[in-house]
C-alpha atoms as a PDB file:
ATOM      1  CA  UNK A   1     -46.041 -12.325  27.794  1.00  0.00           C
ATOM      2  CA  UNK A   2     -46.078  -8.378  27.470  1.00  0.00           C
ATOM      3  CA  UNK A   3     -46.286  -6.046  23.861  1.00  0.00           C
ATOM      4  CA  UNK A   4     -42.342  -4.776  25.503  1.00  0.00           C
ATOM      5  CA  UNK A   5     -40.466  -8.392  26.022  1.00  0.00           C
ATOM      6  CA  UNK A   6     -41.444  -9.571  22.586  1.00  0.00           C
ATOM      7  CA  UNK A   7     -40.278  -6.955  20.871  1.00  0.00           C
ATOM      8  CA  UNK A   8     -36.748  -6.867  22.253  1.00  0.00           C
ATOM      9  CA  UNK A   9     -36.608 -10.395  21.871  1.00  0.00           C
ATOM     10  CA  UNK A  10     -36.882  -9.570  18.358  1.00  0.00           C
ATOM     11  CA  UNK A  11     -34.672  -7.094  18.600  1.00  0.00           C
ATOM     12  CA  UNK A  12     -32.045  -9.201  20.167  1.00  0.00           C
ATOM     13  CA  UNK A  13     -32.746 -11.523  17.694  1.00  0.00           C
ATOM     14  CA  UNK A  14     -31.493  -9.830  15.140  1.00  0.00           C
ATOM     15  CA  UNK A  15     -29.257  -8.092  16.630  1.00  0.00           C
ATOM     16  CA  UNK A  16     -27.583 -11.553  17.114  1.00  0.00           C
ATOM     17  CA  UNK A  17     -28.305 -11.442  13.114  1.00  0.00           C
ATOM     18  CA  UNK A  18     -26.266  -8.643  12.886  1.00  0.00           C
ATOM     19  CA  UNK A  19     -23.045  -9.796  15.267  1.00  0.00           C
ATOM     20  CA  UNK A  20     -22.801 -13.353  13.125  1.00  0.00           C
ATOM     21  CA  UNK A  21     -23.596 -11.411   9.706  1.00  0.00           C
ATOM     22  CA  UNK A  22     -20.404  -9.025  10.174  1.00  0.00           C
ATOM     23  CA  UNK A  23     -18.626 -12.446  11.564  1.00  0.00           C
ATOM     24  CA  UNK A  24     -18.926 -14.118   8.739  1.00  0.00           C
ATOM     25  CA  UNK A  25     -18.087 -11.053   6.022  1.00  0.00           C
ATOM     26  CA  UNK A  26     -15.207 -10.400   8.065  1.00  0.00           C
ATOM     27  CA  UNK A  27     -13.656 -13.540   7.364  1.00  0.00           C
ATOM     28  CA  UNK A  28     -15.278 -13.505   3.705  1.00  0.00           C
ATOM     29  CA  UNK A  29     -13.615 -10.010   3.965  1.00  0.00           C
ATOM     30  CA  UNK A  30     -10.326 -11.152   5.235  1.00  0.00           C
ATOM     31  CA  UNK A  31     -10.032 -14.080   2.133  1.00  0.00           C
ATOM     32  CA  UNK A  32     -11.139 -11.340  -0.284  1.00  0.00           C
ATOM     33  CA  UNK A  33      -8.447  -8.632   1.168  1.00  0.00           C
ATOM     34  CA  UNK A  34      -5.642 -11.490   1.565  1.00  0.00           C
ATOM     35  CA  UNK A  35      -6.402 -12.754  -2.473  1.00  0.00           C
ATOM     36  CA  UNK A  36      -7.585  -9.600  -4.286  1.00  0.00           C
ATOM     37  CA  UNK A  37      -3.442  -8.383  -2.839  1.00  0.00           C
ATOM     38  CA  UNK A  38      -1.562 -11.754  -4.401  1.00  0.00           C
ATOM     39  CA  UNK A  39      -3.133 -10.875  -7.444  1.00  0.00           C
ATOM     40  CA  UNK A  40      -3.295  -7.776  -8.149  1.00  0.00           C
ATOM     41  CA  UNK A  41      -0.401  -6.862  -5.983  1.00  0.00           C
ATOM     42  CA  UNK A  42       1.999 -10.264  -4.954  1.00  0.00           C
ATOM     43  CA  UNK A  43       1.615  -9.867  -1.622  1.00  0.00           C
ATOM     44  CA  UNK A  44       1.837 -13.578  -0.618  1.00  0.00           C
ATOM     45  CA  UNK A  45       4.520 -14.423  -3.255  1.00  0.00           C
ATOM     46  CA  UNK A  46       6.142 -11.610  -5.307  1.00  0.00           C
ATOM     47  CA  UNK A  47       4.870 -12.233  -8.421  1.00  0.00           C
ATOM     48  CA  UNK A  48       0.702 -10.253  -9.218  1.00  0.00           C
ATOM     49  CA  UNK A  49       0.199 -12.834 -12.411  1.00  0.00           C
ATOM     50  CA  UNK A  50      -3.946 -10.473 -12.340  1.00  0.00           C
ATOM     51  CA  UNK A  51      -1.337  -7.299 -12.384  1.00  0.00           C
ATOM     52  CA  UNK A  52      -3.112  -5.287 -15.213  1.00  0.00           C
ATOM     53  CA  UNK A  53      -6.720  -6.335 -13.938  1.00  0.00           C
ATOM     54  CA  UNK A  54      -7.528  -5.399 -11.137  1.00  0.00           C
ATOM     55  CA  UNK A  55     -10.849  -6.090 -11.820  1.00  0.00           C
ATOM     56  CA  UNK A  56     -10.176  -9.054 -12.495  1.00  0.00           C
ATOM     57  CA  UNK A  57      -8.754 -10.055  -9.735  1.00  0.00           C
ATOM     58  CA  UNK A  58     -11.173  -8.549  -7.127  1.00  0.00           C
ATOM     59  CA  UNK A  59     -13.617 -10.530  -8.723  1.00  0.00           C
ATOM     60  CA  UNK A  60     -12.251 -13.544  -8.714  1.00  0.00           C
ATOM     61  CA  UNK A  61     -11.054 -12.982  -4.890  1.00  0.00           C
ATOM     62  CA  UNK A  62     -14.719 -12.367  -4.215  1.00  0.00           C
ATOM     63  CA  UNK A  63     -15.976 -15.747  -6.454  1.00  0.00           C
ATOM     64  CA  UNK A  64     -14.374 -17.813  -3.864  1.00  0.00           C
ATOM     65  CA  UNK A  65     -14.812 -15.367  -0.617  1.00  0.00           C
ATOM     66  CA  UNK A  66     -18.496 -15.420  -2.103  1.00  0.00           C
ATOM     67  CA  UNK A  67     -18.589 -19.189  -1.518  1.00  0.00           C
ATOM     68  CA  UNK A  68     -17.037 -19.329   2.123  1.00  0.00           C
ATOM     69  CA  UNK A  69     -19.625 -16.307   2.899  1.00  0.00           C
ATOM     70  CA  UNK A  70     -22.337 -18.759   1.337  1.00  0.00           C
ATOM     71  CA  UNK A  71     -21.498 -20.949   3.362  1.00  0.00           C
ATOM     72  CA  UNK A  72     -21.449 -19.986   6.689  1.00  0.00           C
ATOM     73  CA  UNK A  73     -24.486 -17.229   6.329  1.00  0.00           C
ATOM     74  CA  UNK A  74     -26.208 -20.753   5.797  1.00  0.00           C
ATOM     75  CA  UNK A  75     -25.265 -22.837   8.918  1.00  0.00           C
ATOM     76  CA  UNK A  76     -24.550 -19.516  11.492  1.00  0.00           C
ATOM     77  CA  UNK A  77     -25.332 -16.263  10.670  1.00  0.00           C
ATOM     78  CA  UNK A  78     -29.059 -16.935   8.932  1.00  0.00           C
ATOM     79  CA  UNK A  79     -29.570 -19.932  11.109  1.00  0.00           C
ATOM     80  CA  UNK A  80     -32.579 -18.870  12.469  1.00  0.00           C
ATOM     81  CA  UNK A  81     -33.872 -18.268   9.178  1.00  0.00           C
ATOM     82  CA  UNK A  82     -34.948 -20.256   5.521  1.00  0.00           C
ATOM     83  CA  UNK A  83     -35.117 -20.009   2.482  1.00  0.00           C
ATOM     84  CA  UNK A  84     -38.189 -19.503   1.059  1.00  0.00           C
ATOM     85  CA  UNK A  85     -36.938 -22.970  -1.669  1.00  0.00           C
ATOM     86  CA  UNK A  86     -33.989 -23.639  -0.969  1.00  0.00           C
ATOM     87  CA  UNK A  87     -32.528 -23.547  -4.534  1.00  0.00           C
ATOM     88  CA  UNK A  88     -34.063 -20.115  -4.951  1.00  0.00           C
ATOM     89  CA  UNK A  89     -32.486 -19.352  -2.233  1.00  0.00           C
ATOM     90  CA  UNK A  90     -28.553 -20.328  -3.583  1.00  0.00           C
ATOM     91  CA  UNK A  91     -29.209 -18.855  -7.220  1.00  0.00           C
ATOM     92  CA  UNK A  92     -30.838 -15.569  -4.772  1.00  0.00           C
ATOM     93  CA  UNK A  93     -27.693 -15.474  -2.865  1.00  0.00           C
ATOM     94  CA  UNK A  94     -25.015 -15.212  -5.902  1.00  0.00           C
ATOM     95  CA  UNK A  95     -26.526 -13.365  -8.362  1.00  0.00           C
ATOM     96  CA  UNK A  96     -27.528 -10.868  -5.146  1.00  0.00           C
ATOM     97  CA  UNK A  97     -24.275 -11.095  -3.919  1.00  0.00           C
ATOM     98  CA  UNK A  98     -22.589 -10.356  -7.998  1.00  0.00           C
ATOM     99  CA  UNK A  99     -25.074  -7.146  -8.063  1.00  0.00           C
ATOM    100  CA  UNK A 100     -23.908  -5.784  -4.264  1.00  0.00           C
ATOM    101  CA  UNK A 101     -20.512  -6.918  -5.484  1.00  0.00           C
ATOM    102  CA  UNK A 102     -20.223  -3.599  -8.348  1.00  0.00           C
ATOM    103  CA  UNK A 103     -20.346  -1.535  -5.465  1.00  0.00           C
ATOM    104  CA  UNK A 104     -16.890  -1.983  -4.735  1.00  0.00           C
ATOM    105  CA  UNK A 105     -15.588  -2.519  -8.178  1.00  0.00           C
ATOM    106  CA  UNK A 106     -17.293   0.513  -9.162  1.00  0.00           C
ATOM    107  CA  UNK A 107     -15.367   2.234  -5.883  1.00  0.00           C
ATOM    108  CA  UNK A 108     -12.207   0.603  -7.311  1.00  0.00           C
ATOM    109  CA  UNK A 109     -12.818   1.162 -10.857  1.00  0.00           C
ATOM    110  CA  UNK A 110     -12.865   5.499 -10.158  1.00  0.00           C
ATOM    111  CA  UNK A 111      -9.942   4.265  -8.707  1.00  0.00           C
ATOM    112  CA  UNK A 112      -7.824   3.022 -11.309  1.00  0.00           C
ATOM    113  CA  UNK A 113      -9.445   4.641 -14.258  1.00  0.00           C
ATOM    114  CA  UNK A 114     -10.633   8.094 -13.444  1.00  0.00           C
ATOM    115  CA  UNK A 115      -9.010   9.382 -10.610  1.00  0.00           C
ATOM    116  CA  UNK A 116      -5.608   7.348 -12.042  1.00  0.00           C
ATOM    117  CA  UNK A 117      -4.432   5.913  -8.501  1.00  0.00           C
ATOM    118  CA  UNK A 118      -3.053   2.471  -8.671  1.00  0.00           C
ATOM    119  CA  UNK A 119      -1.367   1.776  -5.701  1.00  0.00           C
ATOM    120  CA  UNK A 120      -2.053  -0.809  -3.475  1.00  0.00           C
ATOM    121  CA  UNK A 121      -3.282   2.096  -0.655  1.00  0.00           C
ATOM    122  CA  UNK A 122      -6.023   3.134  -3.661  1.00  0.00           C
ATOM    123  CA  UNK A 123      -6.949   0.220  -4.606  1.00  0.00           C
ATOM    124  CA  UNK A 124      -7.591  -0.971  -1.133  1.00  0.00           C
ATOM    125  CA  UNK A 125      -9.545   2.419  -0.040  1.00  0.00           C
ATOM    126  CA  UNK A 126     -11.233   2.311  -3.066  1.00  0.00           C
ATOM    127  CA  UNK A 127     -12.286  -1.474  -2.777  1.00  0.00           C
ATOM    128  CA  UNK A 128     -12.138  -2.534   0.799  1.00  0.00           C
ATOM    129  CA  UNK A 129     -12.766   0.149   3.112  1.00  0.00           C
ATOM    130  CA  UNK A 130     -15.098   2.662   0.805  1.00  0.00           C
ATOM    131  CA  UNK A 131     -17.255  -0.001  -1.442  1.00  0.00           C
ATOM    132  CA  UNK A 132     -17.199  -2.691   0.922  1.00  0.00           C
ATOM    133  CA  UNK A 133     -18.348  -0.362   3.925  1.00  0.00           C
ATOM    134  CA  UNK A 134     -21.430   0.411   1.647  1.00  0.00           C
ATOM    135  CA  UNK A 135     -22.310  -3.195  -0.126  1.00  0.00           C
ATOM    136  CA  UNK A 136     -21.859  -4.380   3.408  1.00  0.00           C
ATOM    137  CA  UNK A 137     -25.079  -2.830   4.781  1.00  0.00           C
ATOM    138  CA  UNK A 138     -26.791  -2.980   1.366  1.00  0.00           C
ATOM    139  CA  UNK A 139     -25.863  -7.355   1.319  1.00  0.00           C
ATOM    140  CA  UNK A 140     -27.122  -7.275   4.953  1.00  0.00           C
ATOM    141  CA  UNK A 141     -30.457  -5.976   3.556  1.00  0.00           C
ATOM    142  CA  UNK A 142     -30.621  -8.117   1.064  1.00  0.00           C
ATOM    143  CA  UNK A 143     -29.838 -11.116   1.924  1.00  0.00           C
ATOM    144  CA  UNK A 144     -32.312 -11.353   5.312  1.00  0.00           C
ATOM    145  CA  UNK A 145     -35.556  -9.879   2.781  1.00  0.00           C
ATOM    146  CA  UNK A 146     -34.663 -11.827  -0.542  1.00  0.00           C
ATOM    147  CA  UNK A 147     -32.774 -15.298   0.155  1.00  0.00           C
ATOM    148  CA  UNK A 148     -32.841 -16.302   4.313  1.00  0.00           C
ATOM    149  CA  UNK A 149     -36.478 -14.275   4.756  1.00  0.00           C
ATOM    150  CA  UNK A 150     -38.440 -16.914   6.415  1.00  0.00           C
ATOM    151  CA  UNK A 151     -38.355 -16.747  10.148  1.00  0.00           C
ATOM    152  CA  UNK A 152     -37.500 -20.565  11.603  1.00  0.00           C
ATOM    153  CA  UNK A 153     -40.897 -21.008  13.648  1.00  0.00           C
ATOM    154  CA  UNK A 154     -39.666 -21.236  17.356  1.00  0.00           C
ATOM    155  CA  UNK A 155     -41.174 -22.634  20.310  1.00  0.00           C
ATOM    156  CA  UNK A 156     -42.309 -19.389  22.884  1.00  0.00           C
ATOM    157  CA  UNK A 157     -40.069 -19.172  25.424  1.00  0.00           C
ATOM    158  CA  UNK A 158     -41.442 -20.293  28.721  1.00  0.00           C
ATOM    159  CA  UNK A 159     -40.931 -21.284  32.473  1.00  0.00           C
ATOM    160  CA  UNK A 160     -38.600 -24.417  32.811  1.00  0.00           C
ATOM    161  CA  UNK A 161     -40.488 -27.649  34.415  1.00  0.00           C
END
């Protein structure tokens, strides 16, 4: 096996992780988006129980989305990687996820309380486009580096008998 083919195989595996990470993240984002807009803006039923508390609505929706994300990351996105310790891996996932959730929360806070924007478009642009975009790149690196940090040993590819 040449060094070039080894590099290509590693690049292909990384690309697969990125694609699976983005798919799971897309599902979790949909859960977060619908939950936040239902709680803060009455998207589903007209009633917005957390209309006056957009930060709390965002955090609550993202707790549910975080559970969806963990299951998807653990079972599919990072299926070729293991946490060095399962219990520590779960704790790290949620602690680091909460820390990176601060990015869109800060963007939402600035939009709401510094710029004075409170409509659904401004809330979603600040939290779910700008903040989430920045935090997604951060999460991929953090989860791969500190949660799912152990590549699973695989048999090398060889000729098929």
